[in-house]
Amino acid sequence: MSAELVSAVAELIAEVRDLAERISHLEAAGPAPAQPPRTAWRVSEVAKSTGISYDQVIAMIKAGEIGHVPAGRLYIVPDEELRAFLARGRRLAVAS
């Protein structure tokens, strides 16, 4: 083997050992702390999680179908309001 190849392999082995040591430290630290539950959602997140288009979510907010908190030019949907909206939809689906 050439000296360059031996040097490259030695560097690679050193990097792998360094990564293994970092992984070992992370495993010893235990799992990451749990994130607190979400209390509010952006319109784009409501749209993505419900499968309703962004524009339709905005229209429903403006029509009062989904409660919100205005934040400047943004709409923030509290988690309770999203859950209430989804619960109303379930009741309508069951009644049909």
PDB file of N, CA and C in Angstrom:
ATOM      1  N   MET A   1       0.848  -1.182   0.000  1.00  0.00           N
ATOM      2  CA  MET A   1       0.000   0.000   0.000  1.00  0.00           C
ATOM      3  C   MET A   1       0.887   1.236   0.000  1.00  0.00           C
ATOM      4  N   SER A   2       0.356   2.271  -0.635  1.00  0.00           N
ATOM      5  CA  SER A   2       1.108   3.523  -0.677  1.00  0.00           C
ATOM      6  C   SER A   2       0.968   4.255   0.654  1.00  0.00           C
ATOM      7  N   ALA A   3       1.874   5.159   0.892  1.00  0.00           N
ATOM      8  CA  ALA A   3       1.857   5.939   2.141  1.00  0.00           C
ATOM      9  C   ALA A   3       0.590   6.785   2.228  1.00  0.00           C
ATOM     10  N   GLU A   4       0.119   7.308   1.098  1.00  0.00           N
ATOM     11  CA  GLU A   4      -1.103   8.116   1.087  1.00  0.00           C
ATOM     12  C   GLU A   4      -2.319   7.282   1.496  1.00  0.00           C
ATOM     13  N   LEU A   5      -2.391   6.082   0.990  1.00  0.00           N
ATOM     14  CA  LEU A   5      -3.508   5.199   1.313  1.00  0.00           C
ATOM     15  C   LEU A   5      -3.482   4.822   2.786  1.00  0.00           C
ATOM     16  N   VAL A   6      -2.308   4.488   3.296  1.00  0.00           N
ATOM     17  CA  VAL A   6      -2.170   4.136   4.713  1.00  0.00           C
ATOM     18  C   VAL A   6      -2.597   5.314   5.582  1.00  0.00           C
ATOM     19  N   SER A   7      -2.207   6.526   5.201  1.00  0.00           N
ATOM     20  CA  SER A   7      -2.571   7.727   5.949  1.00  0.00           C
ATOM     21  C   SER A   7      -4.084   7.962   5.906  1.00  0.00           C
ATOM     22  N   ALA A   8      -4.682   7.782   4.743  1.00  0.00           N
ATOM     23  CA  ALA A   8      -6.132   7.969   4.599  1.00  0.00           C
ATOM     24  C   ALA A   8      -6.900   6.952   5.432  1.00  0.00           C
ATOM     25  N   VAL A   9      -6.442   5.698   5.441  1.00  0.00           N
ATOM     26  CA  VAL A   9      -7.097   4.652   6.231  1.00  0.00           C
ATOM     27  C   VAL A   9      -6.960   4.970   7.718  1.00  0.00           C
ATOM     28  N   ALA A  10      -5.781   5.429   8.130  1.00  0.00           N
ATOM     29  CA  ALA A  10      -5.559   5.782   9.538  1.00  0.00           C
ATOM     30  C   ALA A  10      -6.487   6.927   9.953  1.00  0.00           C
ATOM     31  N   GLU A  11      -6.666   7.937   9.094  1.00  0.00           N
ATOM     32  CA  GLU A  11      -7.582   9.039   9.388  1.00  0.00           C
ATOM     33  C   GLU A  11      -9.012   8.547   9.495  1.00  0.00           C
ATOM     34  N   LEU A  12      -9.398   7.668   8.600  1.00  0.00           N
ATOM     35  CA  LEU A  12     -10.751   7.117   8.619  1.00  0.00           C
ATOM     36  C   LEU A  12     -11.005   6.334   9.897  1.00  0.00           C
ATOM     37  N   ILE A  13     -10.036   5.525  10.310  1.00  0.00           N
ATOM     38  CA  ILE A  13     -10.169   4.752  11.546  1.00  0.00           C
ATOM     39  C   ILE A  13     -10.296   5.688  12.743  1.00  0.00           C
ATOM     40  N   ALA A  14      -9.519   6.764  12.766  1.00  0.00           N
ATOM     41  CA  ALA A  14      -9.595   7.734  13.858  1.00  0.00           C
ATOM     42  C   ALA A  14     -10.973   8.390  13.906  1.00  0.00           C
ATOM     43  N   GLU A  15     -11.538   8.731  12.740  1.00  0.00           N
ATOM     44  CA  GLU A  15     -12.865   9.339  12.691  1.00  0.00           C
ATOM     45  C   GLU A  15     -13.944   8.368  13.149  1.00  0.00           C
ATOM     46  N   VAL A  16     -13.826   7.122  12.758  1.00  0.00           N
ATOM     47  CA  VAL A  16     -14.801   6.110  13.183  1.00  0.00           C
ATOM     48  C   VAL A  16     -14.736   5.939  14.701  1.00  0.00           C
ATOM     49  N   ARG A  17     -13.541   5.902  15.263  1.00  0.00           N
ATOM     50  CA  ARG A  17     -13.403   5.789  16.721  1.00  0.00           C
ATOM     51  C   ARG A  17     -14.009   7.001  17.423  1.00  0.00           C
ATOM     52  N   ASP A  18     -13.772   8.197  16.857  1.00  0.00           N
ATOM     53  CA  ASP A  18     -14.336   9.408  17.434  1.00  0.00           C
ATOM     54  C   ASP A  18     -15.865   9.349  17.409  1.00  0.00           C
ATOM     55  N   LEU A  19     -16.433   8.928  16.296  1.00  0.00           N
ATOM     56  CA  LEU A  19     -17.899   8.794  16.198  1.00  0.00           C
ATOM     57  C   LEU A  19     -18.421   7.761  17.187  1.00  0.00           C
ATOM     58  N   ALA A  20     -17.728   6.647  17.316  1.00  0.00           N
ATOM     59  CA  ALA A  20     -18.144   5.609  18.258  1.00  0.00           C
ATOM     60  C   ALA A  20     -18.129   6.153  19.687  1.00  0.00           C
ATOM     61  N   GLU A  21     -17.141   6.967  20.007  1.00  0.00           N
ATOM     62  CA  GLU A  21     -17.063   7.563  21.342  1.00  0.00           C
ATOM     63  C   GLU A  21     -18.209   8.542  21.569  1.00  0.00           C
ATOM     64  N   ARG A  22     -18.514   9.338  20.560  1.00  0.00           N
ATOM     65  CA  ARG A  22     -19.636  10.271  20.672  1.00  0.00           C
ATOM     66  C   ARG A  22     -20.956   9.531  20.859  1.00  0.00           C
ATOM     67  N   ILE A  23     -21.150   8.464  20.114  1.00  0.00           N
ATOM     68  CA  ILE A  23     -22.373   7.659  20.237  1.00  0.00           C
ATOM     69  C   ILE A  23     -22.454   7.072  21.628  1.00  0.00           C
ATOM     70  N   SER A  24     -21.340   6.591  22.139  1.00  0.00           N
ATOM     71  CA  SER A  24     -21.301   6.025  23.484  1.00  0.00           C
ATOM     72  C   SER A  24     -21.715   7.063  24.528  1.00  0.00           C
ATOM     73  N   HIS A  25     -21.239   8.310  24.377  1.00  0.00           N
ATOM     74  CA  HIS A  25     -21.613   9.377  25.309  1.00  0.00           C
ATOM     75  C   HIS A  25     -23.106   9.689  25.213  1.00  0.00           C
ATOM     76  N   LEU A  26     -23.630   9.719  23.994  1.00  0.00           N
ATOM     77  CA  LEU A  26     -25.064   9.983  23.819  1.00  0.00           C
ATOM     78  C   LEU A  26     -25.914   8.880  24.435  1.00  0.00           C
ATOM     79  N   GLU A  27     -25.509   7.635  24.241  1.00  0.00           N
ATOM     80  CA  GLU A  27     -26.256   6.518  24.818  1.00  0.00           C
ATOM     81  C   GLU A  27     -26.199   6.564  26.330  1.00  0.00           C
ATOM     82  N   ALA A  28     -25.062   6.946  26.898  1.00  0.00           N
ATOM     83  CA  ALA A  28     -24.920   7.031  28.353  1.00  0.00           C
ATOM     84  C   ALA A  28     -25.783   8.146  28.929  1.00  0.00           C
ATOM     85  N   ALA A  29     -26.006   9.191  28.131  1.00  0.00           N
ATOM     86  CA  ALA A  29     -26.812  10.322  28.603  1.00  0.00           C
ATOM     87  C   ALA A  29     -28.291   9.959  28.689  1.00  0.00           C
ATOM     88  N   GLY A  30     -28.703   8.911  28.030  1.00  0.00           N
ATOM     89  CA  GLY A  30     -30.101   8.490  28.067  1.00  0.00           C
ATOM     90  C   GLY A  30     -30.917   9.194  26.998  1.00  0.00           C
ATOM     91  N   PRO A  31     -32.214   8.908  26.982  1.00  0.00           N
ATOM     92  CA  PRO A  31     -33.076   9.491  25.947  1.00  0.00           C
ATOM     93  C   PRO A  31     -33.217  10.999  26.138  1.00  0.00           C
ATOM     94  N   ALA A  32     -33.492  11.676  25.053  1.00  0.00           N
ATOM     95  CA  ALA A  32     -33.714  13.125  25.101  1.00  0.00           C
ATOM     96  C   ALA A  32     -34.972  13.407  25.907  1.00  0.00           C
ATOM     97  N   PRO A  33     -34.998  14.534  26.615  1.00  0.00           N
ATOM     98  CA  PRO A  33     -36.199  14.856  27.389  1.00  0.00           C
ATOM     99  C   PRO A  33     -37.410  15.008  26.472  1.00  0.00           C
ATOM    100  N   ALA A  34     -38.549  14.585  26.964  1.00  0.00           N
ATOM    101  CA  ALA A  34     -39.777  14.664  26.169  1.00  0.00           C
ATOM    102  C   ALA A  34     -40.146  16.122  25.931  1.00  0.00           C
ATOM    103  N   GLN A  35     -40.624  16.391  24.741  1.00  0.00           N
ATOM    104  CA  GLN A  35     -41.073  17.733  24.405  1.00  0.00           C
ATOM    105  C   GLN A  35     -42.433  17.974  25.055  1.00  0.00           C
ATOM    106  N   PRO A  36     -42.677  19.185  25.528  1.00  0.00           N
ATOM    107  CA  PRO A  36     -43.998  19.468  26.096  1.00  0.00           C
ATOM    108  C   PRO A  36     -45.054  19.373  25.003  1.00  0.00           C
ATOM    109  N   PRO A  37     -46.283  19.038  25.361  1.00  0.00           N
ATOM    110  CA  PRO A  37     -47.329  18.934  24.332  1.00  0.00           C
ATOM    111  C   PRO A  37     -47.572  20.285  23.674  1.00  0.00           C
ATOM    112  N   ARG A  38     -47.936  20.226  22.406  1.00  0.00           N
ATOM    113  CA  ARG A  38     -48.224  21.460  21.666  1.00  0.00           C
ATOM    114  C   ARG A  38     -49.494  22.086  22.205  1.00  0.00           C
ATOM    115  N   THR A  39     -49.509  23.410  22.261  1.00  0.00           N
ATOM    116  CA  THR A  39     -50.695  24.117  22.719  1.00  0.00           C
ATOM    117  C   THR A  39     -51.333  24.950  21.623  1.00  0.00           C
ATOM    118  N   ALA A  40     -50.623  25.123  20.503  1.00  0.00           N
ATOM    119  CA  ALA A  40     -51.158  25.922  19.403  1.00  0.00           C
ATOM    120  C   ALA A  40     -50.498  25.498  18.100  1.00  0.00           C
ATOM    121  N   TRP A  41     -51.181  25.827  16.994  1.00  0.00           N
ATOM    122  CA  TRP A  41     -50.738  25.386  15.671  1.00  0.00           C
ATOM    123  C   TRP A  41     -50.821  26.538  14.680  1.00  0.00           C
ATOM    124  N   ARG A  42     -49.900  26.573  13.721  1.00  0.00           N
ATOM    125  CA  ARG A  42     -49.983  27.516  12.609  1.00  0.00           C
ATOM    126  C   ARG A  42     -50.993  26.959  11.597  1.00  0.00           C
ATOM    127  N   VAL A  43     -51.509  27.844  10.770  1.00  0.00           N
ATOM    128  CA  VAL A  43     -52.499  27.432   9.766  1.00  0.00           C
ATOM    129  C   VAL A  43     -51.927  26.335   8.874  1.00  0.00           C
ATOM    130  N   SER A  44     -50.674  26.476   8.465  1.00  0.00           N
ATOM    131  CA  SER A  44     -50.065  25.459   7.597  1.00  0.00           C
ATOM    132  C   SER A  44     -50.014  24.096   8.294  1.00  0.00           C
ATOM    133  N   GLU A  45     -49.791  24.084   9.609  1.00  0.00           N
ATOM    134  CA  GLU A  45     -49.756  22.825  10.349  1.00  0.00           C
ATOM    135  C   GLU A  45     -51.151  22.221  10.461  1.00  0.00           C
ATOM    136  N   VAL A  46     -52.162  23.067  10.666  1.00  0.00           N
ATOM    137  CA  VAL A  46     -53.547  22.585  10.705  1.00  0.00           C
ATOM    138  C   VAL A  46     -53.899  21.974   9.352  1.00  0.00           C
ATOM    139  N   ALA A  47     -53.541  22.665   8.283  1.00  0.00           N
ATOM    140  CA  ALA A  47     -53.842  22.166   6.937  1.00  0.00           C
ATOM    141  C   ALA A  47     -53.168  20.823   6.699  1.00  0.00           C
ATOM    142  N   LYS A  48     -51.898  20.729   7.034  1.00  0.00           N
ATOM    143  CA  LYS A  48     -51.161  19.491   6.793  1.00  0.00           C
ATOM    144  C   LYS A  48     -51.705  18.332   7.631  1.00  0.00           C
ATOM    145  N   SER A  49     -52.018  18.596   8.893  1.00  0.00           N
ATOM    146  CA  SER A  49     -52.459  17.507   9.768  1.00  0.00           C
ATOM    147  C   SER A  49     -53.886  17.047   9.480  1.00  0.00           C
ATOM    148  N   THR A  50     -54.712  17.926   8.920  1.00  0.00           N
ATOM    149  CA  THR A  50     -56.103  17.553   8.650  1.00  0.00           C
ATOM    150  C   THR A  50     -56.351  17.155   7.208  1.00  0.00           C
ATOM    151  N   GLY A  51     -55.430  17.526   6.315  1.00  0.00           N
ATOM    152  CA  GLY A  51     -55.637  17.246   4.902  1.00  0.00           C
ATOM    153  C   GLY A  51     -56.524  18.275   4.222  1.00  0.00           C
ATOM    154  N   ILE A  52     -56.828  19.359   4.935  1.00  0.00           N
ATOM    155  CA  ILE A  52     -57.624  20.454   4.361  1.00  0.00           C
ATOM    156  C   ILE A  52     -56.638  21.453   3.773  1.00  0.00           C
ATOM    157  N   SER A  53     -56.973  22.048   2.661  1.00  0.00           N
ATOM    158  CA  SER A  53     -56.044  22.999   2.033  1.00  0.00           C
ATOM    159  C   SER A  53     -55.848  24.222   2.927  1.00  0.00           C
ATOM    160  N   TYR A  54     -54.706  24.850   2.753  1.00  0.00           N
ATOM    161  CA  TYR A  54     -54.372  26.054   3.518  1.00  0.00           C
ATOM    162  C   TYR A  54     -55.452  27.115   3.333  1.00  0.00           C
ATOM    163  N   ASP A  55     -55.849  27.351   2.074  1.00  0.00           N
ATOM    164  CA  ASP A  55     -56.862  28.377   1.793  1.00  0.00           C
ATOM    165  C   ASP A  55     -58.193  28.036   2.441  1.00  0.00           C
ATOM    166  N   GLN A  56     -58.546  26.758   2.467  1.00  0.00           N
ATOM    167  CA  GLN A  56     -59.809  26.353   3.089  1.00  0.00           C
ATOM    168  C   GLN A  56     -59.744  26.553   4.606  1.00  0.00           C
ATOM    169  N   VAL A  57     -58.602  26.266   5.218  1.00  0.00           N
ATOM    170  CA  VAL A  57     -58.456  26.494   6.662  1.00  0.00           C
ATOM    171  C   VAL A  57     -58.620  27.983   6.963  1.00  0.00           C
ATOM    172  N   ILE A  58     -58.005  28.844   6.154  1.00  0.00           N
ATOM    173  CA  ILE A  58     -58.151  30.293   6.333  1.00  0.00           C
ATOM    174  C   ILE A  58     -59.618  30.685   6.216  1.00  0.00           C
ATOM    175  N   ALA A  59     -60.307  30.154   5.206  1.00  0.00           N
ATOM    176  CA  ALA A  59     -61.727  30.470   5.011  1.00  0.00           C
ATOM    177  C   ALA A  59     -62.552  30.005   6.208  1.00  0.00           C
ATOM    178  N   MET A  60     -62.240  28.841   6.754  1.00  0.00           N
ATOM    179  CA  MET A  60     -62.976  28.328   7.908  1.00  0.00           C
ATOM    180  C   MET A  60     -62.703  29.165   9.151  1.00  0.00           C
ATOM    181  N   ILE A  61     -61.485  29.651   9.296  1.00  0.00           N
ATOM    182  CA  ILE A  61     -61.157  30.542  10.417  1.00  0.00           C
ATOM    183  C   ILE A  61     -61.962  31.834  10.288  1.00  0.00           C
ATOM    184  N   LYS A  62     -61.954  32.422   9.085  1.00  0.00           N
ATOM    185  CA  LYS A  62     -62.682  33.679   8.862  1.00  0.00           C
ATOM    186  C   LYS A  62     -64.182  33.504   9.037  1.00  0.00           C
ATOM    187  N   ALA A  63     -64.695  32.297   8.749  1.00  0.00           N
ATOM    188  CA  ALA A  63     -66.126  32.020   8.913  1.00  0.00           C
ATOM    189  C   ALA A  63     -66.481  31.659  10.354  1.00  0.00           C
ATOM    190  N   GLY A  64     -65.486  31.542  11.208  1.00  0.00           N
ATOM    191  CA  GLY A  64     -65.740  31.217  12.611  1.00  0.00           C
ATOM    192  C   GLY A  64     -65.890  29.733  12.880  1.00  0.00           C
ATOM    193  N   GLU A  65     -65.579  28.899  11.912  1.00  0.00           N
ATOM    194  CA  GLU A  65     -65.709  27.456  12.100  1.00  0.00           C
ATOM    195  C   GLU A  65     -64.562  26.870  12.927  1.00  0.00           C
ATOM    196  N   ILE A  66     -63.418  27.533  12.875  1.00  0.00           N
ATOM    197  CA  ILE A  66     -62.262  27.123  13.662  1.00  0.00           C
ATOM    198  C   ILE A  66     -61.829  28.323  14.484  1.00  0.00           C
ATOM    199  N   GLY A  67     -61.798  28.164  15.789  1.00  0.00           N
ATOM    200  CA  GLY A  67     -61.367  29.254  16.654  1.00  0.00           C
ATOM    201  C   GLY A  67     -59.889  29.545  16.457  1.00  0.00           C
ATOM    202  N   HIS A  68     -59.521  30.791  16.687  1.00  0.00           N
ATOM    203  CA  HIS A  68     -58.128  31.179  16.476  1.00  0.00           C
ATOM    204  C   HIS A  68     -57.772  32.358  17.366  1.00  0.00           C
ATOM    205  N   VAL A  69     -56.501  32.646  17.406  1.00  0.00           N
ATOM    206  CA  VAL A  69     -55.983  33.826  18.084  1.00  0.00           C
ATOM    207  C   VAL A  69     -55.207  34.610  17.026  1.00  0.00           C
ATOM    208  N   PRO A  70     -55.581  35.865  16.784  1.00  0.00           N
ATOM    209  CA  PRO A  70     -54.818  36.633  15.808  1.00  0.00           C
ATOM    210  C   PRO A  70     -53.453  37.000  16.391  1.00  0.00           C
ATOM    211  N   ALA A  71     -52.438  36.878  15.582  1.00  0.00           N
ATOM    212  CA  ALA A  71     -51.080  37.246  15.989  1.00  0.00           C
ATOM    213  C   ALA A  71     -50.498  38.085  14.863  1.00  0.00           C
ATOM    214  N   GLY A  72     -50.801  39.369  14.879  1.00  0.00           N
ATOM    215  CA  GLY A  72     -50.401  40.225  13.768  1.00  0.00           C
ATOM    216  C   GLY A  72     -51.180  39.817  12.537  1.00  0.00           C
ATOM    217  N   ARG A  73     -50.451  39.466  11.487  1.00  0.00           N
ATOM    218  CA  ARG A  73     -51.106  39.022  10.253  1.00  0.00           C
ATOM    219  C   ARG A  73     -51.306  37.514  10.231  1.00  0.00           C
ATOM    220  N   LEU A  74     -50.907  36.844  11.286  1.00  0.00           N
ATOM    221  CA  LEU A  74     -51.014  35.379  11.348  1.00  0.00           C
ATOM    222  C   LEU A  74     -52.238  34.958  12.151  1.00  0.00           C
ATOM    223  N   TYR A  75     -52.643  33.732  11.929  1.00  0.00           N
ATOM    224  CA  TYR A  75     -53.682  33.110  12.743  1.00  0.00           C
ATOM    225  C   TYR A  75     -53.040  31.938  13.471  1.00  0.00           C
ATOM    226  N   ILE A  76     -53.236  31.889  14.767  1.00  0.00           N
ATOM    227  CA  ILE A  76     -52.753  30.773  15.573  1.00  0.00           C
ATOM    228  C   ILE A  76     -53.985  30.011  16.052  1.00  0.00           C
ATOM    229  N   VAL A  77     -53.989  28.711  15.850  1.00  0.00           N
ATOM    230  CA  VAL A  77     -55.127  27.885  16.249  1.00  0.00           C
ATOM    231  C   VAL A  77     -54.753  27.144  17.532  1.00  0.00           C
ATOM    232  N   PRO A  78     -55.395  27.503  18.664  1.00  0.00           N
ATOM    233  CA  PRO A  78     -55.118  26.776  19.900  1.00  0.00           C
ATOM    234  C   PRO A  78     -55.497  25.305  19.753  1.00  0.00           C
ATOM    235  N   ASP A  79     -54.771  24.456  20.425  1.00  0.00           N
ATOM    236  CA  ASP A  79     -55.009  23.017  20.331  1.00  0.00           C
ATOM    237  C   ASP A  79     -56.451  22.666  20.700  1.00  0.00           C
ATOM    238  N   GLU A  80     -56.989  23.331  21.729  1.00  0.00           N
ATOM    239  CA  GLU A  80     -58.381  23.040  22.132  1.00  0.00           C
ATOM    240  C   GLU A  80     -59.359  23.328  21.000  1.00  0.00           C
ATOM    241  N   GLU A  81     -59.100  24.404  20.264  1.00  0.00           N
ATOM    242  CA  GLU A  81     -59.986  24.761  19.154  1.00  0.00           C
ATOM    243  C   GLU A  81     -59.892  23.746  18.019  1.00  0.00           C
ATOM    244  N   LEU A  82     -58.686  23.295  17.730  1.00  0.00           N
ATOM    245  CA  LEU A  82     -58.522  22.282  16.688  1.00  0.00           C
ATOM    246  C   LEU A  82     -59.217  20.987  17.096  1.00  0.00           C
ATOM    247  N   ARG A  83     -59.029  20.582  18.345  1.00  0.00           N
ATOM    248  CA  ARG A  83     -59.690  19.361  18.829  1.00  0.00           C
ATOM    249  C   ARG A  83     -61.217  19.500  18.787  1.00  0.00           C
ATOM    250  N   ALA A  84     -61.725  20.666  19.168  1.00  0.00           N
ATOM    251  CA  ALA A  84     -63.179  20.886  19.140  1.00  0.00           C
ATOM    252  C   ALA A  84     -63.698  20.820  17.699  1.00  0.00           C
ATOM    253  N   PHE A  85     -62.974  21.431  16.770  1.00  0.00           N
ATOM    254  CA  PHE A  85     -63.368  21.378  15.364  1.00  0.00           C
ATOM    255  C   PHE A  85     -63.407  19.940  14.870  1.00  0.00           C
ATOM    256  N   LEU A  86     -62.361  19.176  15.188  1.00  0.00           N
ATOM    257  CA  LEU A  86     -62.313  17.784  14.745  1.00  0.00           C
ATOM    258  C   LEU A  86     -63.410  16.957  15.396  1.00  0.00           C
ATOM    259  N   ALA A  87     -63.722  17.231  16.658  1.00  0.00           N
ATOM    260  CA  ALA A  87     -64.797  16.499  17.346  1.00  0.00           C
ATOM    261  C   ALA A  87     -66.147  16.806  16.706  1.00  0.00           C
ATOM    262  N   ARG A  88     -66.378  18.066  16.325  1.00  0.00           N
ATOM    263  CA  ARG A  88     -67.638  18.407  15.647  1.00  0.00           C
ATOM    264  C   ARG A  88     -67.751  17.638  14.345  1.00  0.00           C
ATOM    265  N   GLY A  89     -66.679  17.497  13.620  1.00  0.00           N
ATOM    266  CA  GLY A  89     -66.685  16.751  12.367  1.00  0.00           C
ATOM    267  C   GLY A  89     -67.002  15.293  12.581  1.00  0.00           C
ATOM    268  N   ARG A  90     -66.477  14.713  13.642  1.00  0.00           N
ATOM    269  CA  ARG A  90     -66.759  13.303  13.939  1.00  0.00           C
ATOM    270  C   ARG A  90     -68.234  13.116  14.263  1.00  0.00           C
ATOM    271  N   ARG A  91     -68.796  14.057  15.043  1.00  0.00           N
ATOM    272  CA  ARG A  91     -70.215  13.939  15.392  1.00  0.00           C
ATOM    273  C   ARG A  91     -71.090  14.051  14.137  1.00  0.00           C
ATOM    274  N   LEU A  92     -70.708  14.938  13.224  1.00  0.00           N
ATOM    275  CA  LEU A  92     -71.474  15.082  11.982  1.00  0.00           C
ATOM    276  C   LEU A  92     -71.384  13.816  11.143  1.00  0.00           C
ATOM    277  N   ALA A  93     -70.194  13.206  11.088  1.00  0.00           N
ATOM    278  CA  ALA A  93     -70.004  11.991  10.298  1.00  0.00           C
ATOM    279  C   ALA A  93     -70.809  10.837  10.863  1.00  0.00           C
ATOM    280  N   VAL A  94     -70.866  10.753  12.188  1.00  0.00           N
ATOM    281  CA  VAL A  94     -71.613   9.668  12.831  1.00  0.00           C
ATOM    282  C   VAL A  94     -73.108   9.863  12.621  1.00  0.00           C
ATOM    283  N   ALA A  95     -73.584  11.114  12.656  1.00  0.00           N
ATOM    284  CA  ALA A  95     -75.012  11.401  12.509  1.00  0.00           C
ATOM    285  C   ALA A  95     -75.484  11.155  11.075  1.00  0.00           C
ATOM    286  N   SER A  96     -74.590  11.217  10.105  1.00  0.00           N
ATOM    287  CA  SER A  96     -74.994  11.058   8.701  1.00  0.00           C
ATOM    288  C   SER A  96     -75.406   9.656   8.370  1.00  0.00           C
TER     289      SER A  96
END
